[in-house]
Amino acid sequence: MGKETCNSCSCGWAGGHSRWVYDLLTHLGINVYVVNPYKVKLIAESKQKTDKVDAKILAGLLRLDGLPKRVYVVEGESRELRDILRSRQQLIRSATSLMYHLRGLLRQEGIKLPVKVFGNGAVFPELKNYKDVTAHFSPILDSYEKLFATLHEQQRVLNKAIADYQNDDIDLLESVPLALAKLH
């Protein structure tokens, strides 16, 4: 990105607002160079953490052609697909977290259940009628049963949205770290 190739350019760091800023600036015809702020030693080790200071550091490094490798910004259909995959992964994480919490509560009552017992929801009617489940667990089980049903239904909705994409990036995006769950 040397000075000679940068007639109208902008440099920013990857973060929560970088995507819409990137879209706006590229739409205006501005060459955008997005970097990982942790790869810019001056920013990562800076004692003064402000956007203004970071912007000055980035501008100086851009002028000197001293920026680290730019971050690849996913665009178009691949970005849409990544958003859907990440959202589905968050639903899976939420269901898993709820499952572990409920298993922990039941374990405190002396009821041990296998890990995948909540998958299809069939265990809830059995638990409600189980002799060792005390009455105060009834509203807890009702709540969790509805939560699991909703989370699984929304996972199916996102699975359908993913299946509607004819994109070669699906396998690649699903292989990204954090072990995105495979489409079933």
N, C-alpha and C. Protein backbone atom coordinates (compact mmCIF):
# COMPACT_ATOMS: atom_id res chain seq x y z
N MET A 1 0.84 -1.18 0.00
CA MET A 1 0.00 0.00 0.00
C MET A 1 0.87 1.23 0.00
N GLY A 2 1.98 1.24 -0.61
CA GLY A 2 2.91 2.36 -0.56
C GLY A 2 2.26 3.69 -0.87
N LYS A 3 2.99 4.77 -0.51
CA LYS A 3 2.46 6.13 -0.68
C LYS A 3 2.06 6.41 -2.12
N GLU A 4 2.82 5.84 -3.05
CA GLU A 4 2.55 6.12 -4.46
C GLU A 4 1.22 5.54 -4.94
N THR A 5 0.67 4.55 -4.26
CA THR A 5 -0.58 3.94 -4.69
C THR A 5 -1.77 4.43 -3.88
N CYS A 6 -1.55 5.36 -2.98
CA CYS A 6 -2.61 5.76 -2.06
C CYS A 6 -3.04 7.21 -2.32
N ASN A 7 -3.83 7.43 -3.37
CA ASN A 7 -4.34 8.77 -3.65
C ASN A 7 -5.44 9.13 -2.67
N SER A 8 -6.32 8.19 -2.42
CA SER A 8 -7.42 8.39 -1.48
C SER A 8 -7.56 7.11 -0.68
N CYS A 9 -7.02 7.12 0.54
CA CYS A 9 -7.05 5.88 1.30
C CYS A 9 -7.37 6.16 2.76
N SER A 10 -7.75 5.11 3.42
CA SER A 10 -8.09 5.18 4.83
C SER A 10 -7.54 3.94 5.50
N CYS A 11 -7.16 4.08 6.75
CA CYS A 11 -6.66 2.95 7.50
C CYS A 11 -7.47 2.86 8.78
N GLY A 12 -7.87 1.66 9.14
CA GLY A 12 -8.62 1.46 10.38
C GLY A 12 -8.28 0.13 10.97
N TRP A 13 -8.82 -0.14 12.13
CA TRP A 13 -8.55 -1.41 12.80
C TRP A 13 -9.82 -2.23 12.84
N ALA A 14 -9.59 -3.53 12.82
CA ALA A 14 -10.71 -4.46 12.87
C ALA A 14 -11.37 -4.38 14.24
N GLY A 15 -12.67 -4.28 14.25
CA GLY A 15 -13.40 -4.20 15.52
C GLY A 15 -14.89 -4.19 15.27
N GLY A 16 -15.64 -3.86 16.30
CA GLY A 16 -17.09 -3.92 16.24
C GLY A 16 -17.74 -3.01 15.21
N HIS A 17 -17.10 -1.90 14.88
CA HIS A 17 -17.71 -0.97 13.93
C HIS A 17 -17.01 -0.96 12.58
N SER A 18 -15.98 -1.76 12.44
CA SER A 18 -15.17 -1.66 11.23
C SER A 18 -15.92 -2.05 9.96
N ARG A 19 -16.86 -2.96 10.06
CA ARG A 19 -17.51 -3.45 8.85
C ARG A 19 -18.34 -2.37 8.17
N TRP A 20 -19.18 -1.67 8.89
CA TRP A 20 -20.02 -0.66 8.23
C TRP A 20 -19.17 0.52 7.77
N VAL A 21 -18.10 0.85 8.52
CA VAL A 21 -17.22 1.93 8.09
C VAL A 21 -16.50 1.52 6.80
N TYR A 22 -16.03 0.29 6.77
CA TYR A 22 -15.38 -0.26 5.57
C TYR A 22 -16.32 -0.17 4.37
N ASP A 23 -17.57 -0.61 4.56
CA ASP A 23 -18.55 -0.59 3.47
C ASP A 23 -18.79 0.83 2.97
N LEU A 24 -18.97 1.76 3.89
CA LEU A 24 -19.23 3.14 3.52
C LEU A 24 -18.07 3.73 2.74
N LEU A 25 -16.85 3.56 3.27
CA LEU A 25 -15.69 4.15 2.62
C LEU A 25 -15.40 3.52 1.25
N THR A 26 -15.52 2.20 1.15
CA THR A 26 -15.28 1.57 -0.15
C THR A 26 -16.35 1.98 -1.16
N HIS A 27 -17.59 2.16 -0.69
CA HIS A 27 -18.66 2.63 -1.56
C HIS A 27 -18.34 4.03 -2.11
N LEU A 28 -17.64 4.82 -1.31
CA LEU A 28 -17.24 6.16 -1.74
C LEU A 28 -15.97 6.14 -2.59
N GLY A 29 -15.45 4.94 -2.86
CA GLY A 29 -14.27 4.81 -3.71
C GLY A 29 -12.96 4.99 -2.97
N ILE A 30 -12.99 4.89 -1.67
CA ILE A 30 -11.78 5.07 -0.87
C ILE A 30 -11.16 3.70 -0.62
N ASN A 31 -9.86 3.61 -0.83
CA ASN A 31 -9.12 2.38 -0.58
C ASN A 31 -8.95 2.23 0.93
N VAL A 32 -9.51 1.18 1.50
CA VAL A 32 -9.50 0.98 2.95
C VAL A 32 -8.51 -0.11 3.32
N TYR A 33 -7.65 0.18 4.26
CA TYR A 33 -6.64 -0.76 4.75
C TYR A 33 -6.98 -1.07 6.20
N VAL A 34 -7.51 -2.27 6.44
CA VAL A 34 -7.92 -2.67 7.79
C VAL A 34 -6.82 -3.53 8.40
N VAL A 35 -6.43 -3.20 9.64
CA VAL A 35 -5.39 -3.96 10.32
C VAL A 35 -5.89 -4.49 11.65
N ASN A 36 -5.24 -5.53 12.11
CA ASN A 36 -5.48 -6.04 13.46
C ASN A 36 -4.70 -5.15 14.42
N PRO A 37 -5.38 -4.47 15.36
CA PRO A 37 -4.67 -3.53 16.24
C PRO A 37 -3.61 -4.21 17.11
N TYR A 38 -3.77 -5.49 17.39
CA TYR A 38 -2.78 -6.19 18.20
C TYR A 38 -1.50 -6.51 17.43
N LYS A 39 -1.58 -6.38 16.09
CA LYS A 39 -0.39 -6.59 15.26
C LYS A 39 0.40 -5.29 15.09
N VAL A 40 -0.17 -4.17 15.52
CA VAL A 40 0.51 -2.89 15.47
C VAL A 40 1.10 -2.66 16.85
N LYS A 41 2.38 -2.91 16.98
CA LYS A 41 3.05 -2.88 18.28
C LYS A 41 2.83 -1.55 19.00
N LEU A 42 2.88 -0.45 18.27
CA LEU A 42 2.71 0.87 18.90
C LEU A 42 1.33 1.02 19.53
N ILE A 43 0.31 0.41 18.92
CA ILE A 43 -1.03 0.49 19.48
C ILE A 43 -1.19 -0.52 20.62
N ALA A 44 -0.73 -1.73 20.39
CA ALA A 44 -0.88 -2.79 21.38
C ALA A 44 -0.18 -2.45 22.70
N GLU A 45 0.96 -1.77 22.62
CA GLU A 45 1.73 -1.44 23.82
C GLU A 45 1.51 -0.02 24.32
N SER A 46 0.64 0.71 23.66
CA SER A 46 0.40 2.11 24.03
C SER A 46 -0.23 2.22 25.41
N LYS A 47 0.24 3.18 26.17
CA LYS A 47 -0.34 3.46 27.50
C LYS A 47 -1.59 4.33 27.37
N GLN A 48 -1.65 5.11 26.29
CA GLN A 48 -2.81 5.97 26.05
C GLN A 48 -3.72 5.28 25.04
N LYS A 49 -4.78 4.67 25.52
CA LYS A 49 -5.70 3.94 24.64
C LYS A 49 -6.88 4.84 24.28
N THR A 50 -6.72 5.61 23.23
CA THR A 50 -7.82 6.42 22.72
C THR A 50 -7.87 6.26 21.20
N ASP A 51 -9.04 6.45 20.65
CA ASP A 51 -9.18 6.36 19.19
C ASP A 51 -8.32 7.41 18.49
N LYS A 52 -8.23 8.58 19.09
CA LYS A 52 -7.46 9.67 18.48
C LYS A 52 -5.97 9.31 18.40
N VAL A 53 -5.43 8.78 19.49
CA VAL A 53 -4.02 8.37 19.50
C VAL A 53 -3.80 7.23 18.51
N ASP A 54 -4.70 6.22 18.54
CA ASP A 54 -4.57 5.09 17.63
C ASP A 54 -4.63 5.56 16.17
N ALA A 55 -5.53 6.48 15.87
CA ALA A 55 -5.66 7.00 14.50
C ALA A 55 -4.38 7.69 14.05
N LYS A 56 -3.76 8.46 14.94
CA LYS A 56 -2.49 9.13 14.59
C LYS A 56 -1.39 8.11 14.32
N ILE A 57 -1.33 7.07 15.13
CA ILE A 57 -0.33 6.03 14.93
C ILE A 57 -0.55 5.34 13.59
N LEU A 58 -1.81 4.97 13.30
CA LEU A 58 -2.11 4.31 12.03
C LEU A 58 -1.81 5.20 10.83
N ALA A 59 -2.16 6.48 10.93
CA ALA A 59 -1.90 7.41 9.82
C ALA A 59 -0.40 7.53 9.57
N GLY A 60 0.38 7.63 10.64
CA GLY A 60 1.83 7.72 10.49
C GLY A 60 2.41 6.46 9.85
N LEU A 61 1.96 5.31 10.31
CA LEU A 61 2.45 4.05 9.73
C LEU A 61 2.01 3.89 8.29
N LEU A 62 0.80 4.34 7.96
CA LEU A 62 0.32 4.28 6.58
C LEU A 62 1.21 5.14 5.67
N ARG A 63 1.54 6.35 6.12
CA ARG A 63 2.41 7.23 5.32
C ARG A 63 3.79 6.61 5.10
N LEU A 64 4.28 5.88 6.11
CA LEU A 64 5.61 5.29 6.03
C LEU A 64 5.61 3.88 5.42
N ASP A 65 4.42 3.43 5.02
CA ASP A 65 4.26 2.07 4.50
C ASP A 65 4.74 1.04 5.52
N GLY A 66 4.38 1.29 6.80
CA GLY A 66 4.85 0.43 7.88
C GLY A 66 3.76 -0.36 8.57
N LEU A 67 2.63 -0.52 7.90
CA LEU A 67 1.54 -1.27 8.52
C LEU A 67 1.73 -2.78 8.35
N PRO A 68 1.21 -3.56 9.30
CA PRO A 68 1.27 -5.02 9.13
C PRO A 68 0.33 -5.45 8.01
N LYS A 69 0.36 -6.73 7.72
CA LYS A 69 -0.51 -7.29 6.69
C LYS A 69 -1.96 -6.90 6.96
N ARG A 70 -2.65 -6.52 5.90
CA ARG A 70 -4.04 -6.10 6.07
C ARG A 70 -4.94 -7.29 6.40
N VAL A 71 -6.00 -7.00 7.12
CA VAL A 71 -7.00 -8.00 7.47
C VAL A 71 -7.93 -8.18 6.27
N TYR A 72 -8.21 -9.43 5.94
CA TYR A 72 -9.14 -9.70 4.85
C TYR A 72 -10.56 -9.40 5.34
N VAL A 73 -11.26 -8.57 4.61
CA VAL A 73 -12.63 -8.22 4.96
C VAL A 73 -13.57 -8.99 4.03
N VAL A 74 -14.33 -9.87 4.63
CA VAL A 74 -15.26 -10.70 3.86
C VAL A 74 -16.39 -9.81 3.36
N GLU A 75 -16.79 -10.01 2.12
CA GLU A 75 -17.85 -9.20 1.54
C GLU A 75 -18.90 -10.10 0.88
N GLY A 76 -20.01 -9.50 0.54
CA GLY A 76 -21.04 -10.16 -0.25
C GLY A 76 -21.65 -11.38 0.39
N GLU A 77 -21.89 -12.39 -0.45
CA GLU A 77 -22.56 -13.60 0.00
C GLU A 77 -21.77 -14.35 1.07
N SER A 78 -20.45 -14.32 0.97
CA SER A 78 -19.63 -15.00 1.99
C SER A 78 -19.80 -14.35 3.35
N ARG A 79 -19.93 -13.03 3.38
CA ARG A 79 -20.17 -12.32 4.65
C ARG A 79 -21.53 -12.70 5.22
N GLU A 80 -22.54 -12.72 4.35
CA GLU A 80 -23.88 -13.10 4.80
C GLU A 80 -23.87 -14.50 5.39
N LEU A 81 -23.23 -15.41 4.66
CA LEU A 81 -23.16 -16.79 5.10
C LEU A 81 -22.41 -16.91 6.44
N ARG A 82 -21.33 -16.18 6.57
CA ARG A 82 -20.57 -16.20 7.84
C ARG A 82 -21.43 -15.70 8.99
N ASP A 83 -22.21 -14.65 8.77
CA ASP A 83 -23.09 -14.13 9.82
C ASP A 83 -24.10 -15.18 10.26
N ILE A 84 -24.67 -15.89 9.28
CA ILE A 84 -25.65 -16.93 9.60
C ILE A 84 -24.98 -18.07 10.35
N LEU A 85 -23.80 -18.50 9.88
CA LEU A 85 -23.08 -19.58 10.55
C LEU A 85 -22.71 -19.20 11.99
N ARG A 86 -22.25 -17.98 12.18
CA ARG A 86 -21.91 -17.53 13.54
C ARG A 86 -23.14 -17.45 14.43
N SER A 87 -24.25 -17.03 13.87
CA SER A 87 -25.48 -16.96 14.66
C SER A 87 -25.95 -18.35 15.05
N ARG A 88 -25.87 -19.28 14.11
CA ARG A 88 -26.24 -20.66 14.44
C ARG A 88 -25.31 -21.22 15.51
N GLN A 89 -24.02 -20.92 15.41
CA GLN A 89 -23.07 -21.39 16.41
C GLN A 89 -23.40 -20.82 17.79
N GLN A 90 -23.84 -19.58 17.83
CA GLN A 90 -24.22 -18.98 19.12
C GLN A 90 -25.44 -19.67 19.71
N LEU A 91 -26.39 -20.05 18.86
CA LEU A 91 -27.56 -20.80 19.35
C LEU A 91 -27.12 -22.14 19.93
N ILE A 92 -26.17 -22.80 19.26
CA ILE A 92 -25.66 -24.09 19.75
C ILE A 92 -24.96 -23.90 21.09
N ARG A 93 -24.14 -22.85 21.19
CA ARG A 93 -23.46 -22.58 22.47
C ARG A 93 -24.47 -22.31 23.58
N SER A 94 -25.51 -21.56 23.27
CA SER A 94 -26.53 -21.24 24.26
C SER A 94 -27.24 -22.51 24.74
N ALA A 95 -27.60 -23.37 23.81
CA ALA A 95 -28.27 -24.63 24.18
C ALA A 95 -27.33 -25.49 25.02
N THR A 96 -26.07 -25.53 24.66
CA THR A 96 -25.10 -26.33 25.42
C THR A 96 -24.93 -25.79 26.83
N SER A 97 -24.84 -24.48 26.94
CA SER A 97 -24.71 -23.85 28.27
C SER A 97 -25.92 -24.15 29.14
N LEU A 98 -27.12 -24.03 28.57
CA LEU A 98 -28.34 -24.33 29.32
C LEU A 98 -28.39 -25.80 29.73
N MET A 99 -27.95 -26.66 28.83
CA MET A 99 -27.94 -28.09 29.12
C MET A 99 -27.03 -28.40 30.32
N TYR A 100 -25.83 -27.83 30.31
CA TYR A 100 -24.90 -28.07 31.42
C TYR A 100 -25.45 -27.51 32.74
N HIS A 101 -26.08 -26.36 32.66
CA HIS A 101 -26.65 -25.77 33.87
C HIS A 101 -27.76 -26.66 34.44
N LEU A 102 -28.66 -27.10 33.58
CA LEU A 102 -29.76 -27.94 34.04
C LEU A 102 -29.25 -29.28 34.55
N ARG A 103 -28.29 -29.88 33.85
CA ARG A 103 -27.70 -31.13 34.34
C ARG A 103 -27.07 -30.92 35.71
N GLY A 104 -26.42 -29.77 35.92
CA GLY A 104 -25.82 -29.47 37.23
C GLY A 104 -26.87 -29.36 38.32
N LEU A 105 -27.97 -28.68 38.02
CA LEU A 105 -29.06 -28.56 39.00
C LEU A 105 -29.61 -29.94 39.38
N LEU A 106 -29.83 -30.75 38.35
CA LEU A 106 -30.38 -32.09 38.60
C LEU A 106 -29.37 -32.98 39.34
N ARG A 107 -28.10 -32.82 39.02
CA ARG A 107 -27.07 -33.60 39.71
C ARG A 107 -27.05 -33.28 41.21
N GLN A 108 -27.34 -32.03 41.57
CA GLN A 108 -27.41 -31.64 42.99
C GLN A 108 -28.57 -32.35 43.70
N GLU A 109 -29.53 -32.77 42.91
CA GLU A 109 -30.66 -33.52 43.47
C GLU A 109 -30.43 -35.03 43.38
N GLY A 110 -29.23 -35.42 42.94
CA GLY A 110 -28.90 -36.84 42.84
C GLY A 110 -29.32 -37.49 41.54
N ILE A 111 -29.70 -36.70 40.55
CA ILE A 111 -30.14 -37.24 39.26
C ILE A 111 -29.04 -37.00 38.24
N LYS A 112 -28.46 -38.09 37.75
CA LYS A 112 -27.38 -37.99 36.76
C LYS A 112 -27.93 -38.36 35.39
N LEU A 113 -27.68 -37.47 34.44
CA LEU A 113 -28.18 -37.69 33.08
C LEU A 113 -27.02 -37.67 32.09
N PRO A 114 -27.14 -38.43 31.00
CA PRO A 114 -26.10 -38.38 29.96
C PRO A 114 -26.08 -37.01 29.28
N VAL A 115 -24.96 -36.71 28.64
CA VAL A 115 -24.74 -35.39 28.05
C VAL A 115 -25.81 -35.01 27.03
N LYS A 116 -26.15 -35.88 26.11
CA LYS A 116 -27.03 -35.50 24.99
C LYS A 116 -28.49 -35.83 25.23
N VAL A 117 -28.89 -35.95 26.47
CA VAL A 117 -30.25 -36.36 26.79
C VAL A 117 -31.30 -35.31 26.43
N PHE A 118 -30.92 -34.05 26.34
CA PHE A 118 -31.89 -32.98 26.09
C PHE A 118 -32.08 -32.69 24.61
N GLY A 119 -31.35 -33.40 23.75
CA GLY A 119 -31.35 -33.12 22.32
C GLY A 119 -32.71 -33.03 21.67
N ASN A 120 -33.57 -34.00 21.90
CA ASN A 120 -34.87 -33.98 21.22
C ASN A 120 -36.01 -33.56 22.15
N GLY A 121 -35.71 -33.30 23.42
CA GLY A 121 -36.74 -32.82 24.35
C GLY A 121 -37.60 -33.90 24.97
N ALA A 122 -37.41 -35.15 24.56
CA ALA A 122 -38.26 -36.24 25.06
C ALA A 122 -38.07 -36.51 26.54
N VAL A 123 -36.96 -36.07 27.10
CA VAL A 123 -36.67 -36.37 28.51
C VAL A 123 -37.51 -35.52 29.47
N PHE A 124 -38.01 -34.39 29.03
CA PHE A 124 -38.71 -33.48 29.95
C PHE A 124 -39.97 -34.08 30.57
N PRO A 125 -40.86 -34.70 29.80
CA PRO A 125 -42.03 -35.33 30.44
C PRO A 125 -41.62 -36.41 31.45
N GLU A 126 -40.58 -37.17 31.12
CA GLU A 126 -40.10 -38.19 32.06
C GLU A 126 -39.58 -37.57 33.35
N LEU A 127 -38.81 -36.48 33.21
CA LEU A 127 -38.25 -35.82 34.40
C LEU A 127 -39.34 -35.26 35.30
N LYS A 128 -40.37 -34.70 34.68
CA LYS A 128 -41.46 -34.10 35.47
C LYS A 128 -42.18 -35.15 36.31
N ASN A 129 -42.19 -36.38 35.84
CA ASN A 129 -42.87 -37.46 36.56
C ASN A 129 -41.91 -38.31 37.40
N TYR A 130 -40.63 -37.97 37.36
CA TYR A 130 -39.64 -38.74 38.11
C TYR A 130 -39.81 -38.48 39.59
N LYS A 131 -39.80 -39.53 40.39
CA LYS A 131 -40.11 -39.42 41.82
C LYS A 131 -39.10 -38.58 42.59
N ASP A 132 -37.83 -38.51 42.15
CA ASP A 132 -36.81 -37.76 42.89
C ASP A 132 -36.77 -36.27 42.52
N VAL A 133 -37.57 -35.85 41.56
CA VAL A 133 -37.61 -34.43 41.18
C VAL A 133 -38.62 -33.73 42.08
N THR A 134 -38.13 -32.76 42.85
CA THR A 134 -39.00 -32.05 43.78
C THR A 134 -39.88 -31.04 43.04
N ALA A 135 -40.93 -30.61 43.72
CA ALA A 135 -41.94 -29.73 43.10
C ALA A 135 -41.35 -28.42 42.58
N HIS A 136 -40.34 -27.89 43.25
CA HIS A 136 -39.79 -26.59 42.80
C HIS A 136 -39.10 -26.70 41.45
N PHE A 137 -38.83 -27.94 40.99
CA PHE A 137 -38.21 -28.12 39.68
C PHE A 137 -39.20 -28.04 38.53
N SER A 138 -40.47 -28.15 38.82
CA SER A 138 -41.47 -28.15 37.75
C SER A 138 -41.41 -26.89 36.88
N PRO A 139 -41.43 -25.66 37.47
CA PRO A 139 -41.34 -24.48 36.60
C PRO A 139 -39.98 -24.37 35.90
N ILE A 140 -38.92 -24.87 36.55
CA ILE A 140 -37.59 -24.85 35.92
C ILE A 140 -37.60 -25.75 34.69
N LEU A 141 -38.12 -26.95 34.85
CA LEU A 141 -38.18 -27.88 33.72
C LEU A 141 -39.07 -27.35 32.60
N ASP A 142 -40.20 -26.74 32.97
CA ASP A 142 -41.08 -26.15 31.94
C ASP A 142 -40.34 -25.07 31.15
N SER A 143 -39.63 -24.21 31.87
CA SER A 143 -38.89 -23.12 31.21
C SER A 143 -37.81 -23.66 30.28
N TYR A 144 -37.04 -24.60 30.79
CA TYR A 144 -35.96 -25.16 29.98
C TYR A 144 -36.49 -25.95 28.79
N GLU A 145 -37.57 -26.64 28.96
CA GLU A 145 -38.17 -27.38 27.85
C GLU A 145 -38.54 -26.42 26.71
N LYS A 146 -39.15 -25.29 27.07
CA LYS A 146 -39.52 -24.30 26.05
C LYS A 146 -38.28 -23.66 25.42
N LEU A 147 -37.27 -23.37 26.25
CA LEU A 147 -36.03 -22.78 25.72
C LEU A 147 -35.36 -23.72 24.73
N PHE A 148 -35.21 -25.01 25.11
CA PHE A 148 -34.58 -25.97 24.21
C PHE A 148 -35.36 -26.10 22.91
N ALA A 149 -36.68 -26.15 23.01
CA ALA A 149 -37.50 -26.28 21.80
C ALA A 149 -37.30 -25.06 20.89
N THR A 150 -37.28 -23.88 21.48
CA THR A 150 -37.08 -22.65 20.69
C THR A 150 -35.69 -22.61 20.07
N LEU A 151 -34.67 -22.91 20.86
CA LEU A 151 -33.30 -22.88 20.34
C LEU A 151 -33.12 -23.89 19.21
N HIS A 152 -33.66 -25.08 19.37
CA HIS A 152 -33.53 -26.08 18.31
C HIS A 152 -34.33 -25.69 17.06
N GLU A 153 -35.48 -25.10 17.24
CA GLU A 153 -36.26 -24.64 16.08
C GLU A 153 -35.51 -23.54 15.33
N GLN A 154 -34.91 -22.63 16.07
CA GLN A 154 -34.17 -21.54 15.42
C GLN A 154 -32.90 -22.06 14.74
N GLN A 155 -32.30 -23.10 15.30
CA GLN A 155 -31.16 -23.73 14.62
C GLN A 155 -31.61 -24.31 13.28
N ARG A 156 -32.79 -24.94 13.27
CA ARG A 156 -33.33 -25.49 12.01
C ARG A 156 -33.59 -24.38 11.00
N VAL A 157 -34.10 -23.25 11.47
CA VAL A 157 -34.34 -22.10 10.58
C VAL A 157 -33.03 -21.65 9.94
N LEU A 158 -31.99 -21.52 10.76
CA LEU A 158 -30.69 -21.09 10.22
C LEU A 158 -30.07 -22.17 9.33
N ASN A 159 -30.26 -23.44 9.68
CA ASN A 159 -29.77 -24.52 8.81
C ASN A 159 -30.40 -24.43 7.43
N LYS A 160 -31.69 -24.12 7.39
CA LYS A 160 -32.38 -23.98 6.10
C LYS A 160 -31.81 -22.78 5.33
N ALA A 161 -31.58 -21.67 6.05
CA ALA A 161 -31.01 -20.49 5.39
C ALA A 161 -29.63 -20.81 4.82
N ILE A 162 -28.84 -21.58 5.55
CA ILE A 162 -27.50 -21.96 5.07
C ILE A 162 -27.64 -22.87 3.85
N ALA A 163 -28.54 -23.81 3.91
CA ALA A 163 -28.74 -24.74 2.79
C ALA A 163 -29.18 -24.02 1.52
N ASP A 164 -29.84 -22.88 1.67
CA ASP A 164 -30.30 -22.11 0.51
C ASP A 164 -29.15 -21.44 -0.25
N TYR A 165 -27.99 -21.33 0.40
CA TYR A 165 -26.83 -20.73 -0.26
C TYR A 165 -26.14 -21.76 -1.13
N GLN A 166 -25.82 -21.38 -2.34
CA GLN A 166 -25.02 -22.20 -3.24
C GLN A 166 -23.63 -21.57 -3.24
N ASN A 167 -22.86 -21.84 -2.20
CA ASN A 167 -21.60 -21.14 -2.02
C ASN A 167 -20.50 -22.14 -1.69
N ASP A 168 -19.40 -22.04 -2.40
CA ASP A 168 -18.26 -22.93 -2.17
C ASP A 168 -17.58 -22.67 -0.84
N ASP A 169 -17.87 -21.53 -0.22
CA ASP A 169 -17.22 -21.17 1.04
C ASP A 169 -17.85 -21.84 2.26
N ILE A 170 -18.97 -22.54 2.11
CA ILE A 170 -19.64 -23.13 3.27
C ILE A 170 -18.70 -24.04 4.04
N ASP A 171 -18.03 -24.98 3.35
CA ASP A 171 -17.13 -25.90 4.04
C ASP A 171 -15.98 -25.14 4.69
N LEU A 172 -15.44 -24.16 3.99
CA LEU A 172 -14.35 -23.37 4.54
C LEU A 172 -14.81 -22.60 5.78
N LEU A 173 -15.94 -21.92 5.68
CA LEU A 173 -16.43 -21.13 6.80
C LEU A 173 -16.80 -22.00 8.00
N GLU A 174 -17.29 -23.21 7.75
CA GLU A 174 -17.62 -24.11 8.85
C GLU A 174 -16.38 -24.70 9.50
N SER A 175 -15.24 -24.64 8.83
CA SER A 175 -14.01 -25.20 9.39
C SER A 175 -13.22 -24.17 10.19
N VAL A 176 -13.71 -22.93 10.24
CA VAL A 176 -13.03 -21.87 10.96
C VAL A 176 -12.96 -22.24 12.44
N PRO A 177 -11.90 -21.85 13.14
CA PRO A 177 -11.80 -22.15 14.57
C PRO A 177 -13.08 -21.80 15.32
N LEU A 178 -13.23 -22.35 16.45
CA LEU A 178 -14.42 -22.34 17.31
C LEU A 178 -15.32 -23.49 16.90
N ALA A 179 -14.81 -24.35 16.05
CA ALA A 179 -15.49 -25.59 15.66
C ALA A 179 -16.95 -25.36 15.35
N LEU A 180 -17.22 -24.56 14.35
CA LEU A 180 -18.60 -24.35 13.94
C LEU A 180 -19.24 -25.69 13.61
N ALA A 181 -20.40 -25.91 14.16
CA ALA A 181 -21.07 -27.21 14.00
C ALA A 181 -21.38 -27.47 12.53
N LYS A 182 -21.19 -28.69 12.11
CA LYS A 182 -21.49 -29.07 10.73
C LYS A 182 -23.01 -29.05 10.50
N LEU A 183 -23.37 -28.73 9.29
CA LEU A 183 -24.76 -28.71 8.89
C LEU A 183 -25.30 -30.15 8.85
N HIS A 184 -26.41 -30.38 9.52
CA HIS A 184 -26.97 -31.73 9.56
C HIS A 184 -28.20 -31.80 8.69
